[in-house]
Amino acid sequence: MAQISEIDVVGIDYPGKILMDNFVYRLNRKPAESTSYPYLVVCRRIEDISNSTTDILMVEDFRRIEADLKKRVKKKLGLEVTVFPARKQDGPDTGKWFNQIRNLYKFCKLNDYQFILSSGANSALEMVSGRSFESILKICDIKPENYWKDLTEWLEAKYQRMVFVNA
């Protein structure tokens, strides 16, 4: 359904000021007019990035796009990797997936990008628990406190640039 309507919802329960209704919408392209809701523009392919409107690039194979990221992509972009594909992998592939996350996180820290780990869930049954999320972060040598703090600051900065229409 999300793919058909080209809209997806990030369901974050955050008590801060940025998420008025506890949701940030994920869109495939920037709305033509100002909106009354917060949104992030998500791109699935590095070739399709429009530097002025894209907020998040979904990363499936970091090794394949690492060189292009440095050349073609603006700083402060969110680089998102999802947990969903790892759920279907065998042991060696899962180990490679964890290594990719470690490398992507280090790359983001060194080059001023925002690392984003998401469930990649298309239904409630595919969601990942908070404990599992934090365990994945710890296995990848990422302190969960730092990850959540950095992500919150990045979202706050994105939110402050948005223009809203009174609903």
N, C-alpha and C. Protein backbone atom coordinates (compact mmCIF):
# COMPACT_ATOMS: atom_id res chain seq x y z
N MET A 1 0.82 -1.20 0.00
CA MET A 1 0.00 0.00 0.00
C MET A 1 0.87 1.26 0.00
N ALA A 2 1.92 1.27 0.83
CA ALA A 2 2.79 2.44 0.90
C ALA A 2 3.44 2.73 -0.45
N GLN A 3 3.81 1.69 -1.17
CA GLN A 3 4.45 1.87 -2.46
C GLN A 3 3.48 2.46 -3.48
N ILE A 4 2.23 2.03 -3.45
CA ILE A 4 1.23 2.51 -4.39
C ILE A 4 0.93 3.98 -4.15
N SER A 5 0.74 4.36 -2.90
CA SER A 5 0.38 5.74 -2.57
C SER A 5 1.59 6.66 -2.50
N GLU A 6 2.81 6.07 -2.58
CA GLU A 6 4.05 6.83 -2.50
C GLU A 6 4.17 7.59 -1.19
N ILE A 7 3.62 7.04 -0.13
CA ILE A 7 3.74 7.66 1.18
C ILE A 7 3.94 6.57 2.21
N ASP A 8 4.72 6.87 3.17
CA ASP A 8 5.04 5.92 4.22
C ASP A 8 5.08 6.72 5.52
N VAL A 9 4.84 6.13 6.62
CA VAL A 9 4.82 6.85 7.89
C VAL A 9 5.90 6.30 8.79
N VAL A 10 6.68 7.21 9.35
CA VAL A 10 7.65 6.82 10.36
C VAL A 10 6.94 7.00 11.69
N GLY A 11 6.71 5.94 12.42
CA GLY A 11 5.98 6.03 13.68
C GLY A 11 6.91 6.14 14.85
N ILE A 12 7.38 7.33 15.14
CA ILE A 12 8.29 7.56 16.25
C ILE A 12 7.52 8.23 17.36
N ASP A 13 7.57 7.69 18.55
CA ASP A 13 6.93 8.32 19.69
C ASP A 13 7.98 9.17 20.38
N TYR A 14 8.03 10.44 20.02
CA TYR A 14 9.05 11.36 20.53
C TYR A 14 8.34 12.53 21.19
N PRO A 15 8.63 12.80 22.47
CA PRO A 15 7.92 13.85 23.19
C PRO A 15 8.39 15.26 22.86
N GLY A 16 9.37 15.43 22.00
CA GLY A 16 9.91 16.73 21.66
C GLY A 16 8.99 17.56 20.79
N LYS A 17 9.49 18.72 20.39
CA LYS A 17 8.66 19.66 19.66
C LYS A 17 8.47 19.34 18.19
N ILE A 18 9.34 18.50 17.60
CA ILE A 18 9.30 18.36 16.15
C ILE A 18 8.14 17.53 15.63
N LEU A 19 7.70 16.58 16.38
CA LEU A 19 6.68 15.68 15.84
C LEU A 19 5.32 16.00 16.45
N MET A 20 4.60 16.87 15.77
CA MET A 20 3.33 17.36 16.29
C MET A 20 2.35 16.23 16.57
N ASP A 21 2.24 15.30 15.65
CA ASP A 21 1.31 14.19 15.80
C ASP A 21 2.05 12.86 15.97
N ASN A 22 3.30 12.92 16.38
CA ASN A 22 4.15 11.74 16.55
C ASN A 22 4.43 11.01 15.25
N PHE A 23 4.31 11.67 14.10
CA PHE A 23 4.61 11.05 12.83
C PHE A 23 5.41 11.99 11.95
N VAL A 24 6.32 11.41 11.19
CA VAL A 24 7.00 12.11 10.11
C VAL A 24 6.69 11.28 8.88
N TYR A 25 6.19 11.91 7.85
CA TYR A 25 5.82 11.18 6.64
C TYR A 25 7.04 11.03 5.73
N ARG A 26 7.14 9.89 5.11
CA ARG A 26 8.20 9.61 4.14
C ARG A 26 7.58 9.69 2.75
N LEU A 27 8.12 10.59 1.92
CA LEU A 27 7.58 10.78 0.58
C LEU A 27 8.64 10.46 -0.46
N ASN A 28 8.20 10.06 -1.64
CA ASN A 28 9.13 9.80 -2.74
C ASN A 28 9.55 11.08 -3.45
N ARG A 29 8.77 12.13 -3.29
CA ARG A 29 9.14 13.42 -3.87
C ARG A 29 8.54 14.54 -3.02
N LYS A 30 9.14 15.71 -3.14
CA LYS A 30 8.70 16.86 -2.37
C LYS A 30 7.30 17.28 -2.81
N PRO A 31 6.41 17.61 -1.86
CA PRO A 31 5.08 18.07 -2.25
C PRO A 31 5.16 19.38 -3.04
N ALA A 32 4.22 19.57 -3.93
CA ALA A 32 4.21 20.77 -4.77
C ALA A 32 3.91 22.03 -3.96
N GLU A 33 3.16 21.89 -2.87
CA GLU A 33 2.79 23.03 -2.04
C GLU A 33 3.24 22.80 -0.60
N SER A 34 3.19 23.85 0.19
CA SER A 34 3.51 23.73 1.62
C SER A 34 2.52 22.77 2.27
N THR A 35 2.98 22.08 3.29
CA THR A 35 2.14 21.09 3.95
C THR A 35 1.91 21.46 5.41
N SER A 36 0.98 20.77 6.04
CA SER A 36 0.72 20.98 7.46
C SER A 36 1.32 19.84 8.28
N TYR A 37 2.15 19.01 7.66
CA TYR A 37 2.76 17.87 8.34
C TYR A 37 4.25 17.80 8.03
N PRO A 38 5.04 17.27 8.95
CA PRO A 38 6.47 17.11 8.68
C PRO A 38 6.70 15.92 7.76
N TYR A 39 7.66 16.03 6.85
CA TYR A 39 7.95 14.96 5.91
C TYR A 39 9.44 14.92 5.60
N LEU A 40 9.89 13.77 5.12
CA LEU A 40 11.24 13.59 4.62
C LEU A 40 11.13 12.95 3.24
N VAL A 41 11.93 13.42 2.30
CA VAL A 41 11.93 12.87 0.95
C VAL A 41 12.98 11.76 0.91
N VAL A 42 12.53 10.56 0.51
CA VAL A 42 13.37 9.37 0.50
C VAL A 42 13.65 8.95 -0.94
N CYS A 43 14.92 8.63 -1.21
CA CYS A 43 15.33 8.16 -2.52
C CYS A 43 15.93 6.76 -2.36
N ARG A 44 15.62 5.88 -3.29
CA ARG A 44 16.10 4.50 -3.21
C ARG A 44 17.35 4.24 -4.05
N ARG A 45 17.65 5.15 -5.00
CA ARG A 45 18.82 4.95 -5.88
C ARG A 45 19.66 6.21 -5.90
N ILE A 46 20.96 6.04 -5.79
CA ILE A 46 21.87 7.19 -5.79
C ILE A 46 21.76 7.98 -7.10
N GLU A 47 21.43 7.30 -8.18
CA GLU A 47 21.31 7.96 -9.49
C GLU A 47 20.12 8.91 -9.54
N ASP A 48 19.15 8.73 -8.67
CA ASP A 48 17.93 9.53 -8.70
C ASP A 48 17.93 10.69 -7.70
N ILE A 49 19.04 10.89 -7.04
CA ILE A 49 19.07 11.92 -6.00
C ILE A 49 19.02 13.31 -6.61
N SER A 50 18.15 14.10 -6.04
CA SER A 50 18.10 15.52 -6.34
C SER A 50 18.60 16.21 -5.08
N ASN A 51 19.77 16.78 -5.12
CA ASN A 51 20.40 17.33 -3.92
C ASN A 51 19.55 18.36 -3.18
N SER A 52 18.68 19.04 -3.87
CA SER A 52 17.90 20.09 -3.21
C SER A 52 16.71 19.55 -2.43
N THR A 53 16.22 18.37 -2.78
CA THR A 53 15.01 17.90 -2.11
C THR A 53 15.16 16.60 -1.34
N THR A 54 16.14 15.79 -1.63
CA THR A 54 16.26 14.49 -0.98
C THR A 54 16.82 14.62 0.42
N ASP A 55 16.17 13.95 1.38
CA ASP A 55 16.61 13.96 2.77
C ASP A 55 17.30 12.65 3.15
N ILE A 56 16.82 11.54 2.58
CA ILE A 56 17.32 10.21 2.95
C ILE A 56 17.59 9.39 1.70
N LEU A 57 18.73 8.71 1.69
CA LEU A 57 19.06 7.74 0.65
C LEU A 57 19.06 6.37 1.30
N MET A 58 18.27 5.46 0.77
CA MET A 58 18.26 4.09 1.28
C MET A 58 19.48 3.36 0.71
N VAL A 59 20.25 2.73 1.59
CA VAL A 59 21.49 2.06 1.20
C VAL A 59 21.29 0.55 1.31
N GLU A 60 21.42 -0.12 0.17
CA GLU A 60 21.30 -1.58 0.16
C GLU A 60 22.67 -2.24 0.11
N ASP A 61 23.61 -1.65 -0.63
CA ASP A 61 24.96 -2.19 -0.73
C ASP A 61 25.94 -1.03 -0.63
N PHE A 62 26.42 -0.79 0.57
CA PHE A 62 27.28 0.36 0.83
C PHE A 62 28.56 0.32 0.00
N ARG A 63 29.17 -0.85 -0.14
CA ARG A 63 30.43 -0.95 -0.90
C ARG A 63 30.26 -0.49 -2.34
N ARG A 64 29.09 -0.76 -2.91
CA ARG A 64 28.84 -0.41 -4.30
C ARG A 64 28.72 1.10 -4.53
N ILE A 65 28.22 1.83 -3.53
CA ILE A 65 27.95 3.26 -3.74
C ILE A 65 28.88 4.19 -2.96
N GLU A 66 29.81 3.64 -2.19
CA GLU A 66 30.67 4.48 -1.34
C GLU A 66 31.39 5.58 -2.11
N ALA A 67 32.02 5.26 -3.21
CA ALA A 67 32.75 6.26 -3.99
C ALA A 67 31.81 7.33 -4.55
N ASP A 68 30.64 6.92 -5.03
CA ASP A 68 29.67 7.87 -5.57
C ASP A 68 29.14 8.82 -4.50
N LEU A 69 29.02 8.33 -3.28
CA LEU A 69 28.51 9.19 -2.20
C LEU A 69 29.38 10.41 -2.01
N LYS A 70 30.67 10.20 -2.02
CA LYS A 70 31.60 11.32 -1.80
C LYS A 70 31.54 12.34 -2.94
N LYS A 71 31.27 11.88 -4.15
CA LYS A 71 31.27 12.76 -5.32
C LYS A 71 29.94 13.46 -5.54
N ARG A 72 28.83 12.74 -5.37
CA ARG A 72 27.54 13.21 -5.86
C ARG A 72 26.56 13.68 -4.80
N VAL A 73 26.80 13.37 -3.55
CA VAL A 73 25.76 13.56 -2.56
C VAL A 73 26.12 14.64 -1.55
N LYS A 74 25.14 15.49 -1.25
CA LYS A 74 25.34 16.59 -0.32
C LYS A 74 25.55 16.07 1.11
N LYS A 75 26.21 16.88 1.90
CA LYS A 75 26.41 16.57 3.32
C LYS A 75 25.08 16.71 4.04
N LYS A 76 25.01 16.14 5.22
CA LYS A 76 23.82 16.16 6.08
C LYS A 76 22.69 15.27 5.56
N LEU A 77 22.93 14.55 4.48
CA LEU A 77 21.94 13.61 3.96
C LEU A 77 21.85 12.42 4.91
N GLY A 78 20.67 11.88 5.10
CA GLY A 78 20.50 10.68 5.90
C GLY A 78 20.75 9.45 5.03
N LEU A 79 21.59 8.54 5.51
CA LEU A 79 21.85 7.28 4.81
C LEU A 79 21.21 6.18 5.63
N GLU A 80 20.18 5.57 5.06
CA GLU A 80 19.35 4.62 5.80
C GLU A 80 19.63 3.19 5.38
N VAL A 81 19.80 2.32 6.35
CA VAL A 81 19.91 0.89 6.12
C VAL A 81 18.80 0.23 6.94
N THR A 82 18.18 -0.81 6.36
CA THR A 82 17.06 -1.45 7.03
C THR A 82 17.44 -2.83 7.56
N VAL A 83 16.76 -3.23 8.61
CA VAL A 83 16.98 -4.52 9.25
C VAL A 83 16.30 -5.65 8.46
N PHE A 84 15.23 -5.34 7.77
CA PHE A 84 14.40 -6.36 7.12
C PHE A 84 15.18 -7.37 6.27
N PRO A 85 16.09 -6.95 5.39
CA PRO A 85 16.81 -7.94 4.57
C PRO A 85 17.64 -8.92 5.40
N ALA A 86 18.17 -8.46 6.52
CA ALA A 86 19.01 -9.33 7.35
C ALA A 86 18.22 -10.47 7.97
N ARG A 87 16.94 -10.29 8.09
CA ARG A 87 16.10 -11.33 8.70
C ARG A 87 16.01 -12.58 7.83
N LYS A 88 16.30 -12.44 6.55
CA LYS A 88 16.18 -13.55 5.61
C LYS A 88 17.54 -14.15 5.24
N GLN A 89 18.62 -13.67 5.85
CA GLN A 89 19.95 -14.11 5.47
C GLN A 89 20.45 -15.26 6.33
N ASP A 90 21.45 -15.98 5.79
CA ASP A 90 22.09 -17.03 6.58
C ASP A 90 23.23 -16.39 7.38
N GLY A 91 23.94 -17.19 8.15
CA GLY A 91 24.99 -16.69 9.05
C GLY A 91 26.05 -15.83 8.40
N PRO A 92 26.75 -16.33 7.37
CA PRO A 92 27.81 -15.51 6.75
C PRO A 92 27.28 -14.19 6.17
N ASP A 93 26.12 -14.23 5.54
CA ASP A 93 25.56 -13.00 4.97
C ASP A 93 25.14 -12.01 6.07
N THR A 94 24.66 -12.53 7.18
CA THR A 94 24.29 -11.66 8.30
C THR A 94 25.54 -10.99 8.86
N GLY A 95 26.64 -11.73 8.95
CA GLY A 95 27.90 -11.15 9.40
C GLY A 95 28.37 -10.03 8.47
N LYS A 96 28.22 -10.23 7.17
CA LYS A 96 28.57 -9.19 6.19
C LYS A 96 27.67 -7.97 6.35
N TRP A 97 26.40 -8.22 6.65
CA TRP A 97 25.44 -7.13 6.85
C TRP A 97 25.85 -6.29 8.05
N PHE A 98 26.21 -6.95 9.17
CA PHE A 98 26.68 -6.21 10.35
C PHE A 98 27.94 -5.41 10.03
N ASN A 99 28.84 -5.98 9.28
CA ASN A 99 30.07 -5.29 8.90
C ASN A 99 29.75 -4.07 8.02
N GLN A 100 28.78 -4.22 7.13
CA GLN A 100 28.36 -3.10 6.28
C GLN A 100 27.82 -1.96 7.14
N ILE A 101 27.05 -2.30 8.17
CA ILE A 101 26.51 -1.27 9.05
C ILE A 101 27.64 -0.54 9.78
N ARG A 102 28.60 -1.30 10.30
CA ARG A 102 29.76 -0.67 10.96
C ARG A 102 30.47 0.30 10.02
N ASN A 103 30.74 -0.15 8.80
CA ASN A 103 31.43 0.69 7.83
C ASN A 103 30.61 1.91 7.43
N LEU A 104 29.32 1.73 7.24
CA LEU A 104 28.45 2.85 6.88
C LEU A 104 28.40 3.88 8.01
N TYR A 105 28.31 3.40 9.25
CA TYR A 105 28.27 4.31 10.39
C TYR A 105 29.56 5.13 10.47
N LYS A 106 30.71 4.47 10.33
CA LYS A 106 32.00 5.18 10.36
C LYS A 106 32.08 6.20 9.22
N PHE A 107 31.63 5.79 8.04
CA PHE A 107 31.62 6.69 6.89
C PHE A 107 30.76 7.92 7.18
N CYS A 108 29.58 7.70 7.75
CA CYS A 108 28.69 8.82 8.07
C CYS A 108 29.33 9.78 9.07
N LYS A 109 29.96 9.24 10.09
CA LYS A 109 30.60 10.08 11.10
C LYS A 109 31.75 10.89 10.51
N LEU A 110 32.53 10.28 9.65
CA LEU A 110 33.70 10.95 9.08
C LEU A 110 33.33 11.98 8.01
N ASN A 111 32.19 11.79 7.34
CA ASN A 111 31.84 12.62 6.18
C ASN A 111 30.59 13.47 6.35
N ASP A 112 30.11 13.62 7.57
CA ASP A 112 28.98 14.51 7.88
C ASP A 112 27.66 14.09 7.23
N TYR A 113 27.36 12.80 7.30
CA TYR A 113 26.06 12.28 6.90
C TYR A 113 25.36 11.77 8.15
N GLN A 114 24.07 11.58 8.09
CA GLN A 114 23.32 11.03 9.22
C GLN A 114 23.06 9.55 8.98
N PHE A 115 23.55 8.70 9.85
CA PHE A 115 23.29 7.27 9.79
C PHE A 115 21.89 7.00 10.34
N ILE A 116 21.11 6.22 9.60
CA ILE A 116 19.74 5.87 10.03
C ILE A 116 19.57 4.37 9.91
N LEU A 117 19.21 3.75 11.00
CA LEU A 117 18.88 2.33 11.01
C LEU A 117 17.37 2.23 11.21
N SER A 118 16.69 1.54 10.29
CA SER A 118 15.24 1.40 10.42
C SER A 118 14.85 -0.07 10.24
N SER A 119 13.65 -0.37 10.62
CA SER A 119 13.19 -1.77 10.54
C SER A 119 12.95 -2.20 9.10
N GLY A 120 12.50 -1.28 8.26
CA GLY A 120 12.13 -1.64 6.90
C GLY A 120 10.81 -2.39 6.87
N ALA A 121 10.06 -2.29 7.94
CA ALA A 121 8.80 -3.03 8.07
C ALA A 121 7.73 -2.49 7.14
N ASN A 122 6.98 -3.41 6.56
CA ASN A 122 5.82 -3.06 5.75
C ASN A 122 4.52 -3.38 6.48
N SER A 123 4.64 -4.00 7.64
CA SER A 123 3.47 -4.30 8.47
C SER A 123 3.91 -4.36 9.92
N ALA A 124 2.95 -4.35 10.81
CA ALA A 124 3.26 -4.42 12.25
C ALA A 124 3.99 -5.70 12.61
N LEU A 125 3.76 -6.76 11.88
CA LEU A 125 4.40 -8.04 12.17
C LEU A 125 5.89 -8.03 11.85
N GLU A 126 6.33 -7.11 11.01
CA GLU A 126 7.74 -7.04 10.61
C GLU A 126 8.53 -6.03 11.43
N MET A 127 7.90 -5.37 12.38
CA MET A 127 8.58 -4.36 13.16
C MET A 127 9.64 -4.98 14.07
N VAL A 128 10.62 -4.17 14.45
CA VAL A 128 11.73 -4.61 15.29
C VAL A 128 11.58 -3.92 16.64
N SER A 129 11.73 -4.68 17.72
CA SER A 129 11.58 -4.12 19.06
C SER A 129 12.73 -3.17 19.38
N GLY A 130 12.48 -2.29 20.33
CA GLY A 130 13.51 -1.35 20.77
C GLY A 130 14.75 -2.06 21.29
N ARG A 131 14.56 -3.12 22.06
CA ARG A 131 15.71 -3.88 22.58
C ARG A 131 16.53 -4.49 21.44
N SER A 132 15.85 -5.02 20.45
CA SER A 132 16.56 -5.60 19.30
C SER A 132 17.34 -4.53 18.54
N PHE A 133 16.71 -3.36 18.38
CA PHE A 133 17.38 -2.25 17.70
C PHE A 133 18.66 -1.89 18.43
N GLU A 134 18.56 -1.74 19.72
CA GLU A 134 19.72 -1.33 20.50
C GLU A 134 20.78 -2.43 20.52
N SER A 135 20.36 -3.68 20.49
CA SER A 135 21.33 -4.79 20.42
C SER A 135 22.09 -4.74 19.10
N ILE A 136 21.38 -4.47 18.00
CA ILE A 136 22.04 -4.35 16.69
C ILE A 136 23.06 -3.22 16.73
N LEU A 137 22.66 -2.09 17.29
CA LEU A 137 23.59 -0.95 17.38
C LEU A 137 24.83 -1.33 18.18
N LYS A 138 24.64 -1.99 19.31
CA LYS A 138 25.77 -2.38 20.15
C LYS A 138 26.69 -3.37 19.45
N ILE A 139 26.13 -4.34 18.74
CA ILE A 139 26.94 -5.31 18.00
C ILE A 139 27.79 -4.59 16.95
N CYS A 140 27.27 -3.50 16.42
CA CYS A 140 27.98 -2.73 15.39
C CYS A 140 28.87 -1.64 15.99
N ASP A 141 29.12 -1.72 17.29
CA ASP A 141 29.98 -0.75 18.00
C ASP A 141 29.45 0.67 17.94
N ILE A 142 28.12 0.80 17.99
CA ILE A 142 27.47 2.10 18.00
C ILE A 142 26.76 2.25 19.34
N LYS A 143 27.08 3.30 20.07
CA LYS A 143 26.43 3.53 21.36
C LYS A 143 25.00 4.01 21.09
N PRO A 144 24.00 3.27 21.58
CA PRO A 144 22.61 3.66 21.31
C PRO A 144 22.29 5.09 21.75
N GLU A 145 22.84 5.53 22.87
CA GLU A 145 22.57 6.90 23.35
C GLU A 145 23.04 7.92 22.32
N ASN A 146 24.23 7.70 21.77
CA ASN A 146 24.76 8.63 20.76
C ASN A 146 23.94 8.58 19.48
N TYR A 147 23.55 7.37 19.08
CA TYR A 147 22.76 7.22 17.86
C TYR A 147 21.45 8.00 17.98
N TRP A 148 20.71 7.80 19.07
CA TRP A 148 19.41 8.46 19.23
C TRP A 148 19.56 9.97 19.37
N LYS A 149 20.62 10.41 20.05
CA LYS A 149 20.87 11.85 20.20
C LYS A 149 21.15 12.48 18.83
N ASP A 150 22.05 11.85 18.06
CA ASP A 150 22.38 12.38 16.73
C ASP A 150 21.16 12.40 15.81
N LEU A 151 20.37 11.34 15.85
CA LEU A 151 19.18 11.26 15.00
C LEU A 151 18.17 12.34 15.38
N THR A 152 17.99 12.55 16.68
CA THR A 152 17.07 13.59 17.15
C THR A 152 17.51 14.97 16.69
N GLU A 153 18.80 15.25 16.82
CA GLU A 153 19.31 16.56 16.39
C GLU A 153 19.15 16.74 14.88
N TRP A 154 19.38 15.69 14.12
CA TRP A 154 19.23 15.77 12.67
C TRP A 154 17.77 16.03 12.29
N LEU A 155 16.85 15.32 12.94
CA LEU A 155 15.42 15.53 12.67
C LEU A 155 14.99 16.94 13.06
N GLU A 156 15.49 17.43 14.19
CA GLU A 156 15.17 18.80 14.62
C GLU A 156 15.63 19.81 13.57
N ALA A 157 16.84 19.62 13.04
CA ALA A 157 17.36 20.54 12.03
C ALA A 157 16.52 20.48 10.75
N LYS A 158 16.12 19.27 10.34
CA LYS A 158 15.26 19.12 9.16
C LYS A 158 13.92 19.80 9.38
N TYR A 159 13.36 19.62 10.56
CA TYR A 159 12.05 20.18 10.88
C TYR A 159 12.07 21.70 10.85
N GLN A 160 13.14 22.29 11.34
CA GLN A 160 13.21 23.76 11.39
C GLN A 160 13.26 24.39 10.01
N ARG A 161 13.67 23.64 8.99
CA ARG A 161 13.73 24.17 7.63
C ARG A 161 12.40 24.05 6.89
N MET A 162 11.45 23.30 7.45
CA MET A 162 10.18 23.09 6.76
C MET A 162 9.24 24.27 6.95
N VAL A 163 8.43 24.50 5.93
CA VAL A 163 7.43 25.56 5.97
C VAL A 163 6.07 24.89 6.04
N PHE A 164 5.27 25.29 7.03
CA PHE A 164 3.97 24.65 7.24
C PHE A 164 2.82 25.61 6.97
N VAL A 165 1.73 25.05 6.53
CA VAL A 165 0.50 25.80 6.35
C VAL A 165 -0.35 25.55 7.59
N ASN A 166 -1.02 26.56 8.08
CA ASN A 166 -1.89 26.35 9.24
C ASN A 166 -3.03 25.42 8.87
N ALA A 167 -3.16 24.36 9.64
CA ALA A 167 -4.19 23.35 9.33
C ALA A 167 -5.50 23.70 9.97
